[in-house]
Amino acid sequence: LYGKELTVGTPEVLAQNYTLTDNDAYYYLKTSNYIYTD
């Protein structure tokens, strides 16, 4: 929740605030592309 995911996690990824590559250790790349079926 707010300890990580709702602070530095999903909303920041959706806002395009991180540079994500295929080396996707936290599995956010598809989220950054708004693939909500992932």
PDB file of all heavy atoms in Angstrom:
ATOM      1  N   LEU A   1       0.842  -1.191   0.000  1.00  0.00           N
ATOM      2  CA  LEU A   1       0.000   0.000   0.000  1.00  0.00           C
ATOM      3  C   LEU A   1       0.885   1.253   0.000  1.00  0.00           C
ATOM      4  O   LEU A   1       1.720   1.421  -0.872  1.00  0.00           O
ATOM      5  CB  LEU A   1      -0.964  -0.050   1.187  1.00  0.00           C
ATOM      6  CG  LEU A   1      -1.926  -1.263   1.187  1.00  0.00           C
ATOM      7  CD1 LEU A   1      -2.777  -1.278   2.441  1.00  0.00           C
ATOM      8  CD2 LEU A   1      -2.803  -1.269  -0.059  1.00  0.00           C
ATOM      9  N   TYR A   2       0.760   2.138   0.986  1.00  0.00           N
ATOM     10  CA  TYR A   2       1.474   3.401   0.941  1.00  0.00           C
ATOM     11  C   TYR A   2       2.949   3.277   1.279  1.00  0.00           C
ATOM     12  O   TYR A   2       3.727   4.199   1.009  1.00  0.00           O
ATOM     13  CB  TYR A   2       0.812   4.412   1.883  1.00  0.00           C
ATOM     14  CG  TYR A   2      -0.603   4.762   1.485  1.00  0.00           C
ATOM     15  CD1 TYR A   2      -1.689   4.200   2.142  1.00  0.00           C
ATOM     16  CD2 TYR A   2      -0.856   5.650   0.437  1.00  0.00           C
ATOM     17  CE1 TYR A   2      -2.998   4.519   1.784  1.00  0.00           C
ATOM     18  CE2 TYR A   2      -2.150   5.972   0.073  1.00  0.00           C
ATOM     19  CZ  TYR A   2      -3.224   5.396   0.745  1.00  0.00           C
ATOM     20  OH  TYR A   2      -4.510   5.702   0.381  1.00  0.00           O
ATOM     21  N   GLY A   3       3.361   2.142   1.873  1.00  0.00           N
ATOM     22  CA  GLY A   3       4.768   1.957   2.166  1.00  0.00           C
ATOM     23  C   GLY A   3       5.629   1.931   0.920  1.00  0.00           C
ATOM     24  O   GLY A   3       6.787   2.351   0.942  1.00  0.00           O
ATOM     25  N   LYS A   4       5.055   1.463  -0.178  1.00  0.00           N
ATOM     26  CA  LYS A   4       5.781   1.461  -1.434  1.00  0.00           C
ATOM     27  C   LYS A   4       4.846   1.620  -2.634  1.00  0.00           C
ATOM     28  O   LYS A   4       4.950   2.572  -3.385  1.00  0.00           O
ATOM     29  CB  LYS A   4       6.621   0.187  -1.596  1.00  0.00           C
ATOM     30  CG  LYS A   4       7.544   0.241  -2.822  1.00  0.00           C
ATOM     31  CD  LYS A   4       8.497  -0.962  -2.890  1.00  0.00           C
ATOM     32  CE  LYS A   4       7.867  -2.120  -3.605  1.00  0.00           C
ATOM     33  NZ  LYS A   4       8.857  -3.214  -3.839  1.00  0.00           N
ATOM     34  N   GLU A   5       3.906   0.689  -2.798  1.00  0.00           N
ATOM     35  CA  GLU A   5       3.180   0.591  -4.063  1.00  0.00           C
ATOM     36  C   GLU A   5       2.410   1.856  -4.424  1.00  0.00           C
ATOM     37  O   GLU A   5       2.422   2.282  -5.588  1.00  0.00           O
ATOM     38  CB  GLU A   5       2.234  -0.610  -4.018  1.00  0.00           C
ATOM     39  CG  GLU A   5       1.753  -1.037  -5.391  1.00  0.00           C
ATOM     40  CD  GLU A   5       2.917  -1.325  -6.330  1.00  0.00           C
ATOM     41  OE1 GLU A   5       3.811  -2.122  -5.964  1.00  0.00           O
ATOM     42  OE2 GLU A   5       2.950  -0.737  -7.425  1.00  0.00           O
ATOM     43  N   LEU A   6       1.729   2.475  -3.464  1.00  0.00           N
ATOM     44  CA  LEU A   6       0.922   3.651  -3.760  1.00  0.00           C
ATOM     45  C   LEU A   6       1.711   4.948  -3.660  1.00  0.00           C
ATOM     46  O   LEU A   6       1.177   6.026  -3.926  1.00  0.00           O
ATOM     47  CB  LEU A   6      -0.288   3.709  -2.820  1.00  0.00           C
ATOM     48  CG  LEU A   6      -1.401   2.709  -3.139  1.00  0.00           C
ATOM     49  CD1 LEU A   6      -2.444   2.685  -2.034  1.00  0.00           C
ATOM     50  CD2 LEU A   6      -2.050   3.021  -4.483  1.00  0.00           C
ATOM     51  N   THR A   7       2.978   4.846  -3.292  1.00  0.00           N
ATOM     52  CA  THR A   7       3.828   6.032  -3.201  1.00  0.00           C
ATOM     53  C   THR A   7       4.829   6.060  -4.350  1.00  0.00           C
ATOM     54  O   THR A   7       4.803   6.956  -5.190  1.00  0.00           O
ATOM     55  CB  THR A   7       4.561   6.071  -1.851  1.00  0.00           C
ATOM     56  OG1 THR A   7       3.600   6.062  -0.795  1.00  0.00           O
ATOM     57  CG2 THR A   7       5.413   7.327  -1.728  1.00  0.00           C
ATOM     58  N   VAL A   8       5.695   5.082  -4.406  1.00  0.00           N
ATOM     59  CA  VAL A   8       6.735   5.067  -5.443  1.00  0.00           C
ATOM     60  C   VAL A   8       6.425   4.064  -6.545  1.00  0.00           C
ATOM     61  O   VAL A   8       7.189   3.961  -7.505  1.00  0.00           O
ATOM     62  CB  VAL A   8       8.121   4.752  -4.832  1.00  0.00           C
ATOM     63  CG1 VAL A   8       8.492   5.761  -3.776  1.00  0.00           C
ATOM     64  CG2 VAL A   8       8.159   3.331  -4.267  1.00  0.00           C
ATOM     65  N   GLY A   9       5.320   3.332  -6.428  1.00  0.00           N
ATOM     66  CA  GLY A   9       5.041   2.250  -7.349  1.00  0.00           C
ATOM     67  C   GLY A   9       4.087   2.596  -8.469  1.00  0.00           C
ATOM     68  O   GLY A   9       4.343   3.483  -9.289  1.00  0.00           O
ATOM     69  N   THR A  10       2.939   1.917  -8.503  1.00  0.00           N
ATOM     70  CA  THR A  10       2.038   1.939  -9.653  1.00  0.00           C
ATOM     71  C   THR A  10       1.673   3.336 -10.167  1.00  0.00           C
ATOM     72  O   THR A  10       1.785   3.589 -11.373  1.00  0.00           O
ATOM     73  CB  THR A  10       0.766   1.136  -9.331  1.00  0.00           C
ATOM     74  OG1 THR A  10       1.132  -0.245  -9.134  1.00  0.00           O
ATOM     75  CG2 THR A  10      -0.248   1.219 -10.460  1.00  0.00           C
ATOM     76  N   PRO A  11       1.233   4.291  -9.325  1.00  0.00           N
ATOM     77  CA  PRO A  11       0.876   5.603  -9.885  1.00  0.00           C
ATOM     78  C   PRO A  11       2.038   6.317 -10.571  1.00  0.00           C
ATOM     79  O   PRO A  11       1.839   7.024 -11.566  1.00  0.00           O
ATOM     80  CB  PRO A  11       0.391   6.395  -8.658  1.00  0.00           C
ATOM     81  CG  PRO A  11      -0.033   5.357  -7.674  1.00  0.00           C
ATOM     82  CD  PRO A  11       0.924   4.225  -7.876  1.00  0.00           C
ATOM     83  N   GLU A  12       3.253   6.128 -10.066  1.00  0.00           N
ATOM     84  CA  GLU A  12       4.416   6.743 -10.702  1.00  0.00           C
ATOM     85  C   GLU A  12       4.736   6.088 -12.040  1.00  0.00           C
ATOM     86  O   GLU A  12       5.137   6.757 -12.999  1.00  0.00           O
ATOM     87  CB  GLU A  12       5.628   6.649  -9.769  1.00  0.00           C
ATOM     88  CG  GLU A  12       5.558   7.551  -8.557  1.00  0.00           C
ATOM     89  CD  GLU A  12       5.495   9.018  -8.934  1.00  0.00           C
ATOM     90  OE1 GLU A  12       6.511   9.549  -9.423  1.00  0.00           O
ATOM     91  OE2 GLU A  12       4.428   9.627  -8.755  1.00  0.00           O
ATOM     92  N   VAL A  13       4.556   4.782 -12.113  1.00  0.00           N
ATOM     93  CA  VAL A  13       4.766   4.075 -13.381  1.00  0.00           C
ATOM     94  C   VAL A  13       3.746   4.546 -14.407  1.00  0.00           C
ATOM     95  O   VAL A  13       4.088   4.828 -15.564  1.00  0.00           O
ATOM     96  CB  VAL A  13       4.658   2.551 -13.159  1.00  0.00           C
ATOM     97  CG1 VAL A  13       4.712   1.813 -14.497  1.00  0.00           C
ATOM     98  CG2 VAL A  13       5.771   2.060 -12.234  1.00  0.00           C
ATOM     99  N   LEU A  14       2.483   4.670 -13.993  1.00  0.00           N
ATOM    100  CA  LEU A  14       1.431   5.129 -14.904  1.00  0.00           C
ATOM    101  C   LEU A  14       1.675   6.561 -15.363  1.00  0.00           C
ATOM    102  O   LEU A  14       1.270   6.943 -16.465  1.00  0.00           O
ATOM    103  CB  LEU A  14       0.074   5.019 -14.211  1.00  0.00           C
ATOM    104  CG  LEU A  14      -0.388   3.607 -13.836  1.00  0.00           C
ATOM    105  CD1 LEU A  14      -1.690   3.661 -13.047  1.00  0.00           C
ATOM    106  CD2 LEU A  14      -0.553   2.732 -15.077  1.00  0.00           C
ATOM    107  N   ALA A  15       2.343   7.359 -14.539  1.00  0.00           N
ATOM    108  CA  ALA A  15       2.642   8.749 -14.888  1.00  0.00           C
ATOM    109  C   ALA A  15       3.909   8.886 -15.726  1.00  0.00           C
ATOM    110  O   ALA A  15       4.347  10.007 -15.999  1.00  0.00           O
ATOM    111  CB  ALA A  15       2.768   9.588 -13.618  1.00  0.00           C
ATOM    112  N   GLN A  16       4.507   7.759 -16.119  1.00  0.00           N
ATOM    113  CA  GLN A  16       5.700   7.763 -16.971  1.00  0.00           C
ATOM    114  C   GLN A  16       6.900   8.408 -16.304  1.00  0.00           C
ATOM    115  O   GLN A  16       7.694   9.100 -16.941  1.00  0.00           O
ATOM    116  CB  GLN A  16       5.397   8.470 -18.305  1.00  0.00           C
ATOM    117  CG  GLN A  16       4.217   7.905 -19.066  1.00  0.00           C
ATOM    118  CD  GLN A  16       4.400   6.433 -19.444  1.00  0.00           C
ATOM    119  OE1 GLN A  16       5.420   6.053 -20.011  1.00  0.00           O
ATOM    120  NE2 GLN A  16       3.419   5.601 -19.097  1.00  0.00           N
ATOM    121  N   ASN A  17       7.075   8.146 -15.018  1.00  0.00           N
ATOM    122  CA  ASN A  17       8.161   8.791 -14.277  1.00  0.00           C
ATOM    123  C   ASN A  17       9.401   7.930 -14.125  1.00  0.00           C
ATOM    124  O   ASN A  17      10.384   8.401 -13.530  1.00  0.00           O
ATOM    125  CB  ASN A  17       7.657   9.216 -12.889  1.00  0.00           C
ATOM    126  CG  ASN A  17       6.997  10.577 -12.913  1.00  0.00           C
ATOM    127  OD1 ASN A  17       7.073  11.294 -13.905  1.00  0.00           O
ATOM    128  ND2 ASN A  17       6.339  10.948 -11.837  1.00  0.00           N
ATOM    129  N   TYR A  18       9.385   6.713 -14.640  1.00  0.00           N
ATOM    130  CA  TYR A  18      10.570   5.864 -14.578  1.00  0.00           C
ATOM    131  C   TYR A  18      10.960   5.414 -15.983  1.00  0.00           C
ATOM    132  O   TYR A  18      10.108   5.280 -16.864  1.00  0.00           O
ATOM    133  CB  TYR A  18      10.324   4.625 -13.707  1.00  0.00           C
ATOM    134  CG  TYR A  18       9.936   4.915 -12.274  1.00  0.00           C
ATOM    135  CD1 TYR A  18       8.922   4.196 -11.643  1.00  0.00           C
ATOM    136  CD2 TYR A  18      10.573   5.918 -11.538  1.00  0.00           C
ATOM    137  CE1 TYR A  18       8.563   4.448 -10.323  1.00  0.00           C
ATOM    138  CE2 TYR A  18      10.218   6.183 -10.224  1.00  0.00           C
ATOM    139  CZ  TYR A  18       9.205   5.448  -9.622  1.00  0.00           C
ATOM    140  OH  TYR A  18       8.856   5.710  -8.322  1.00  0.00           O
ATOM    141  N   THR A  19      12.246   5.183 -16.166  1.00  0.00           N
ATOM    142  CA  THR A  19      12.737   4.648 -17.427  1.00  0.00           C
ATOM    143  C   THR A  19      12.805   3.125 -17.300  1.00  0.00           C
ATOM    144  O   THR A  19      13.647   2.596 -16.571  1.00  0.00           O
ATOM    145  CB  THR A  19      14.128   5.213 -17.767  1.00  0.00           C
ATOM    146  OG1 THR A  19      14.051   6.649 -17.819  1.00  0.00           O
ATOM    147  CG2 THR A  19      14.622   4.670 -19.095  1.00  0.00           C
ATOM    148  N   LEU A  20      11.893   2.455 -17.961  1.00  0.00           N
ATOM    149  CA  LEU A  20      11.788   1.007 -17.841  1.00  0.00           C
ATOM    150  C   LEU A  20      12.274   0.334 -19.119  1.00  0.00           C
ATOM    151  O   LEU A  20      12.040   0.810 -20.223  1.00  0.00           O
ATOM    152  CB  LEU A  20      10.341   0.611 -17.555  1.00  0.00           C
ATOM    153  CG  LEU A  20       9.745   1.225 -16.281  1.00  0.00           C
ATOM    154  CD1 LEU A  20       8.248   0.957 -16.198  1.00  0.00           C
ATOM    155  CD2 LEU A  20      10.446   0.677 -15.047  1.00  0.00           C
ATOM    156  N   THR A  21      12.963  -0.777 -18.939  1.00  0.00           N
ATOM    157  CA  THR A  21      13.522  -1.515 -20.068  1.00  0.00           C
ATOM    158  C   THR A  21      13.085  -2.968 -19.990  1.00  0.00           C
ATOM    159  O   THR A  21      12.337  -3.372 -19.096  1.00  0.00           O
ATOM    160  CB  THR A  21      15.066  -1.450 -20.048  1.00  0.00           C
ATOM    161  OG1 THR A  21      15.541  -2.169 -18.894  1.00  0.00           O
ATOM    162  CG2 THR A  21      15.550  -0.007 -19.990  1.00  0.00           C
ATOM    163  N   ASP A  22      13.576  -3.774 -20.923  1.00  0.00           N
ATOM    164  CA  ASP A  22      13.245  -5.202 -20.901  1.00  0.00           C
ATOM    165  C   ASP A  22      13.813  -5.895 -19.666  1.00  0.00           C
ATOM    166  O   ASP A  22      13.349  -6.968 -19.286  1.00  0.00           O
ATOM    167  CB  ASP A  22      13.780  -5.879 -22.168  1.00  0.00           C
ATOM    168  CG  ASP A  22      13.013  -5.438 -23.413  1.00  0.00           C
ATOM    169  OD1 ASP A  22      11.856  -4.992 -23.254  1.00  0.00           O
ATOM    170  OD2 ASP A  22      13.566  -5.529 -24.511  1.00  0.00           O
ATOM    171  N   ASN A  23      14.832  -5.292 -19.053  1.00  0.00           N
ATOM    172  CA  ASN A  23      15.340  -5.813 -17.772  1.00  0.00           C
ATOM    173  C   ASN A  23      14.408  -5.313 -16.666  1.00  0.00           C
ATOM    174  O   ASN A  23      14.728  -4.386 -15.925  1.00  0.00           O
ATOM    175  CB  ASN A  23      16.778  -5.330 -17.532  1.00  0.00           C
ATOM    176  CG  ASN A  23      17.721  -5.887 -18.581  1.00  0.00           C
ATOM    177  OD1 ASN A  23      17.736  -7.081 -18.834  1.00  0.00           O
ATOM    178  ND2 ASN A  23      18.502  -5.014 -19.205  1.00  0.00           N
ATOM    179  N   ASP A  24      13.269  -5.950 -16.574  1.00  0.00           N
ATOM    180  CA  ASP A  24      12.132  -5.436 -15.831  1.00  0.00           C
ATOM    181  C   ASP A  24      12.000  -6.170 -14.500  1.00  0.00           C
ATOM    182  O   ASP A  24      11.084  -6.970 -14.298  1.00  0.00           O
ATOM    183  CB  ASP A  24      10.874  -5.618 -16.691  1.00  0.00           C
ATOM    184  CG  ASP A  24       9.643  -4.955 -16.136  1.00  0.00           C
ATOM    185  OD1 ASP A  24       9.796  -4.033 -15.313  1.00  0.00           O
ATOM    186  OD2 ASP A  24       8.528  -5.355 -16.530  1.00  0.00           O
ATOM    187  N   ALA A  25      12.906  -5.863 -13.563  1.00  0.00           N
ATOM    188  CA  ALA A  25      12.984  -6.624 -12.314  1.00  0.00           C
ATOM    189  C   ALA A  25      11.721  -6.524 -11.477  1.00  0.00           C
ATOM    190  O   ALA A  25      11.391  -7.450 -10.733  1.00  0.00           O
ATOM    191  CB  ALA A  25      14.186  -6.157 -11.501  1.00  0.00           C
ATOM    192  N   TYR A  26      11.004  -5.407 -11.577  1.00  0.00           N
ATOM    193  CA  TYR A  26       9.800  -5.226 -10.770  1.00  0.00           C
ATOM    194  C   TYR A  26       8.514  -5.416 -11.573  1.00  0.00           C
ATOM    195  O   TYR A  26       7.422  -5.151 -11.075  1.00  0.00           O
ATOM    196  CB  TYR A  26       9.820  -3.845 -10.102  1.00  0.00           C
ATOM    197  CG  TYR A  26      10.822  -3.777  -8.978  1.00  0.00           C
ATOM    198  CD1 TYR A  26      12.138  -3.382  -9.210  1.00  0.00           C
ATOM    199  CD2 TYR A  26      10.478  -4.149  -7.689  1.00  0.00           C
ATOM    200  CE1 TYR A  26      13.064  -3.349  -8.181  1.00  0.00           C
ATOM    201  CE2 TYR A  26      11.400  -4.123  -6.656  1.00  0.00           C
ATOM    202  CZ  TYR A  26      12.683  -3.723  -6.910  1.00  0.00           C
ATOM    203  OH  TYR A  26      13.612  -3.691  -5.889  1.00  0.00           O
ATOM    204  N   TYR A  27       8.646  -5.854 -12.814  1.00  0.00           N
ATOM    205  CA  TYR A  27       7.488  -6.207 -13.654  1.00  0.00           C
ATOM    206  C   TYR A  27       6.525  -5.031 -13.830  1.00  0.00           C
ATOM    207  O   TYR A  27       5.308  -5.179 -13.739  1.00  0.00           O
ATOM    208  CB  TYR A  27       6.760  -7.434 -13.073  1.00  0.00           C
ATOM    209  CG  TYR A  27       7.677  -8.610 -12.848  1.00  0.00           C
ATOM    210  CD1 TYR A  27       8.120  -8.937 -11.570  1.00  0.00           C
ATOM    211  CD2 TYR A  27       8.143  -9.365 -13.924  1.00  0.00           C
ATOM    212  CE1 TYR A  27       8.991  -9.995 -11.363  1.00  0.00           C
ATOM    213  CE2 TYR A  27       9.015 -10.433 -13.735  1.00  0.00           C
ATOM    214  CZ  TYR A  27       9.442 -10.738 -12.450  1.00  0.00           C
ATOM    215  OH  TYR A  27      10.316 -11.780 -12.249  1.00  0.00           O
ATOM    216  N   TYR A  28       7.113  -3.882 -14.102  1.00  0.00           N
ATOM    217  CA  TYR A  28       6.320  -2.678 -14.309  1.00  0.00           C
ATOM    218  C   TYR A  28       6.225  -2.268 -15.779  1.00  0.00           C
ATOM    219  O   TYR A  28       5.471  -1.349 -16.108  1.00  0.00           O
ATOM    220  CB  TYR A  28       6.939  -1.507 -13.543  1.00  0.00           C
ATOM    221  CG  TYR A  28       6.619  -1.442 -12.068  1.00  0.00           C
ATOM    222  CD1 TYR A  28       7.622  -1.199 -11.138  1.00  0.00           C
ATOM    223  CD2 TYR A  28       5.318  -1.590 -11.605  1.00  0.00           C
ATOM    224  CE1 TYR A  28       7.347  -1.112  -9.775  1.00  0.00           C
ATOM    225  CE2 TYR A  28       5.025  -1.506 -10.253  1.00  0.00           C
ATOM    226  CZ  TYR A  28       6.044  -1.272  -9.346  1.00  0.00           C
ATOM    227  OH  TYR A  28       5.746  -1.182  -8.005  1.00  0.00           O
ATOM    228  N   LEU A  29       6.966  -2.900 -16.665  1.00  0.00           N
ATOM    229  CA  LEU A  29       7.025  -2.431 -18.043  1.00  0.00           C
ATOM    230  C   LEU A  29       5.650  -2.468 -18.701  1.00  0.00           C
ATOM    231  O   LEU A  29       5.233  -1.504 -19.358  1.00  0.00           O
ATOM    232  CB  LEU A  29       8.025  -3.269 -18.843  1.00  0.00           C
ATOM    233  CG  LEU A  29       8.246  -2.832 -20.299  1.00  0.00           C
ATOM    234  CD1 LEU A  29       8.730  -1.380 -20.357  1.00  0.00           C
ATOM    235  CD2 LEU A  29       9.263  -3.755 -20.988  1.00  0.00           C
ATOM    236  N   LYS A  30       4.922  -3.562 -18.526  1.00  0.00           N
ATOM    237  CA  LYS A  30       3.586  -3.647 -19.130  1.00  0.00           C
ATOM    238  C   LYS A  30       2.628  -2.648 -18.480  1.00  0.00           C
ATOM    239  O   LYS A  30       1.758  -2.095 -19.161  1.00  0.00           O
ATOM    240  CB  LYS A  30       3.049  -5.070 -19.008  1.00  0.00           C
ATOM    241  CG  LYS A  30       3.785  -6.074 -19.904  1.00  0.00           C
ATOM    242  CD  LYS A  30       3.190  -7.455 -19.803  1.00  0.00           C
ATOM    243  CE  LYS A  30       3.908  -8.419 -20.732  1.00  0.00           C
ATOM    244  NZ  LYS A  30       3.364  -9.809 -20.634  1.00  0.00           N
ATOM    245  N   THR A  31       2.808  -2.400 -17.197  1.00  0.00           N
ATOM    246  CA  THR A  31       1.985  -1.395 -16.530  1.00  0.00           C
ATOM    247  C   THR A  31       2.231  -0.016 -17.134  1.00  0.00           C
ATOM    248  O   THR A  31       1.294   0.760 -17.345  1.00  0.00           O
ATOM    249  CB  THR A  31       2.286  -1.366 -15.020  1.00  0.00           C
ATOM    250  OG1 THR A  31       2.011  -2.646 -14.454  1.00  0.00           O
ATOM    251  CG2 THR A  31       1.447  -0.317 -14.308  1.00  0.00           C
ATOM    252  N   SER A  32       3.490   0.286 -17.437  1.00  0.00           N
ATOM    253  CA  SER A  32       3.814   1.588 -18.030  1.00  0.00           C
ATOM    254  C   SER A  32       3.206   1.745 -19.416  1.00  0.00           C
ATOM    255  O   SER A  32       3.000   2.862 -19.884  1.00  0.00           O
ATOM    256  CB  SER A  32       5.337   1.779 -18.113  1.00  0.00           C
ATOM    257  OG  SER A  32       5.905   0.967 -19.127  1.00  0.00           O
ATOM    258  N   ASN A  33       2.894   0.618 -20.055  1.00  0.00           N
ATOM    259  CA  ASN A  33       2.243   0.634 -21.366  1.00  0.00           C
ATOM    260  C   ASN A  33       0.729   0.449 -21.247  1.00  0.00           C
ATOM    261  O   ASN A  33       0.046   0.222 -22.251  1.00  0.00           O
ATOM    262  CB  ASN A  33       2.839  -0.455 -22.264  1.00  0.00           C
ATOM    263  CG  ASN A  33       4.270  -0.149 -22.661  1.00  0.00           C
ATOM    264  OD1 ASN A  33       4.606   0.992 -22.980  1.00  0.00           O
ATOM    265  ND2 ASN A  33       5.137  -1.151 -22.633  1.00  0.00           N
ATOM    266  N   TYR A  34       0.230   0.500 -20.021  1.00  0.00           N
ATOM    267  CA  TYR A  34      -1.203   0.439 -19.720  1.00  0.00           C
ATOM    268  C   TYR A  34      -1.841  -0.861 -20.183  1.00  0.00           C
ATOM    269  O   TYR A  34      -2.989  -0.891 -20.640  1.00  0.00           O
ATOM    270  CB  TYR A  34      -1.931   1.657 -20.317  1.00  0.00           C
ATOM    271  CG  TYR A  34      -1.260   2.961 -19.962  1.00  0.00           C
ATOM    272  CD1 TYR A  34      -0.522   3.678 -20.906  1.00  0.00           C
ATOM    273  CD2 TYR A  34      -1.311   3.453 -18.663  1.00  0.00           C
ATOM    274  CE1 TYR A  34       0.119   4.866 -20.584  1.00  0.00           C
ATOM    275  CE2 TYR A  34      -0.664   4.641 -18.318  1.00  0.00           C
ATOM    276  CZ  TYR A  34       0.047   5.330 -19.277  1.00  0.00           C
ATOM    277  OH  TYR A  34       0.681   6.497 -18.950  1.00  0.00           O
ATOM    278  N   ILE A  35      -1.089  -1.948 -20.040  1.00  0.00           N
ATOM    279  CA  ILE A  35      -1.613  -3.277 -20.352  1.00  0.00           C
ATOM    280  C   ILE A  35      -2.235  -3.824 -19.065  1.00  0.00           C
ATOM    281  O   ILE A  35      -1.568  -4.473 -18.251  1.00  0.00           O
ATOM    282  CB  ILE A  35      -0.504  -4.210 -20.887  1.00  0.00           C
ATOM    283  CG1 ILE A  35       0.114  -3.596 -22.153  1.00  0.00           C
ATOM    284  CG2 ILE A  35      -1.067  -5.609 -21.181  1.00  0.00           C
ATOM    285  CD1 ILE A  35       1.315  -4.369 -22.681  1.00  0.00           C
ATOM    286  N   TYR A  36      -3.504  -3.541 -18.878  1.00  0.00           N
ATOM    287  CA  TYR A  36      -4.164  -3.843 -17.615  1.00  0.00           C
ATOM    288  C   TYR A  36      -4.625  -5.299 -17.512  1.00  0.00           C
ATOM    289  O   TYR A  36      -5.241  -5.676 -16.510  1.00  0.00           O
ATOM    290  CB  TYR A  36      -5.337  -2.888 -17.395  1.00  0.00           C
ATOM    291  CG  TYR A  36      -4.911  -1.459 -17.126  1.00  0.00           C
ATOM    292  CD1 TYR A  36      -5.820  -0.410 -17.239  1.00  0.00           C
ATOM    293  CD2 TYR A  36      -3.598  -1.142 -16.757  1.00  0.00           C
ATOM    294  CE1 TYR A  36      -5.438   0.903 -16.970  1.00  0.00           C
ATOM    295  CE2 TYR A  36      -3.210   0.157 -16.503  1.00  0.00           C
ATOM    296  CZ  TYR A  36      -4.137   1.184 -16.615  1.00  0.00           C
ATOM    297  OH  TYR A  36      -3.750   2.477 -16.351  1.00  0.00           O
ATOM    298  N   THR A  37      -4.313  -6.092 -18.531  1.00  0.00           N
ATOM    299  CA  THR A  37      -4.584  -7.535 -18.463  1.00  0.00           C
ATOM    300  C   THR A  37      -3.366  -8.319 -17.981  1.00  0.00           C
ATOM    301  O   THR A  37      -3.449  -9.539 -17.817  1.00  0.00           O
ATOM    302  CB  THR A  37      -5.002  -8.061 -19.839  1.00  0.00           C
ATOM    303  OG1 THR A  37      -3.977  -7.740 -20.795  1.00  0.00           O
ATOM    304  CG2 THR A  37      -6.325  -7.456 -20.282  1.00  0.00           C
ATOM    305  N   ASP A  38      -2.273  -7.631 -17.734  1.00  0.00           N
ATOM    306  CA  ASP A  38      -1.041  -8.286 -17.273  1.00  0.00           C
ATOM    307  C   ASP A  38      -1.241  -8.853 -15.869  1.00  0.00           C
ATOM    308  O   ASP A  38      -1.758  -8.175 -14.978  1.00  0.00           O
ATOM    309  CB  ASP A  38       0.099  -7.266 -17.286  1.00  0.00           C
ATOM    310  CG  ASP A  38       1.362  -7.810 -16.645  1.00  0.00           C
ATOM    311  OD1 ASP A  38       1.858  -8.848 -17.102  1.00  0.00           O
ATOM    312  OD2 ASP A  38       1.826  -7.182 -15.658  1.00  0.00           O
TER     313      ASP A  38
END
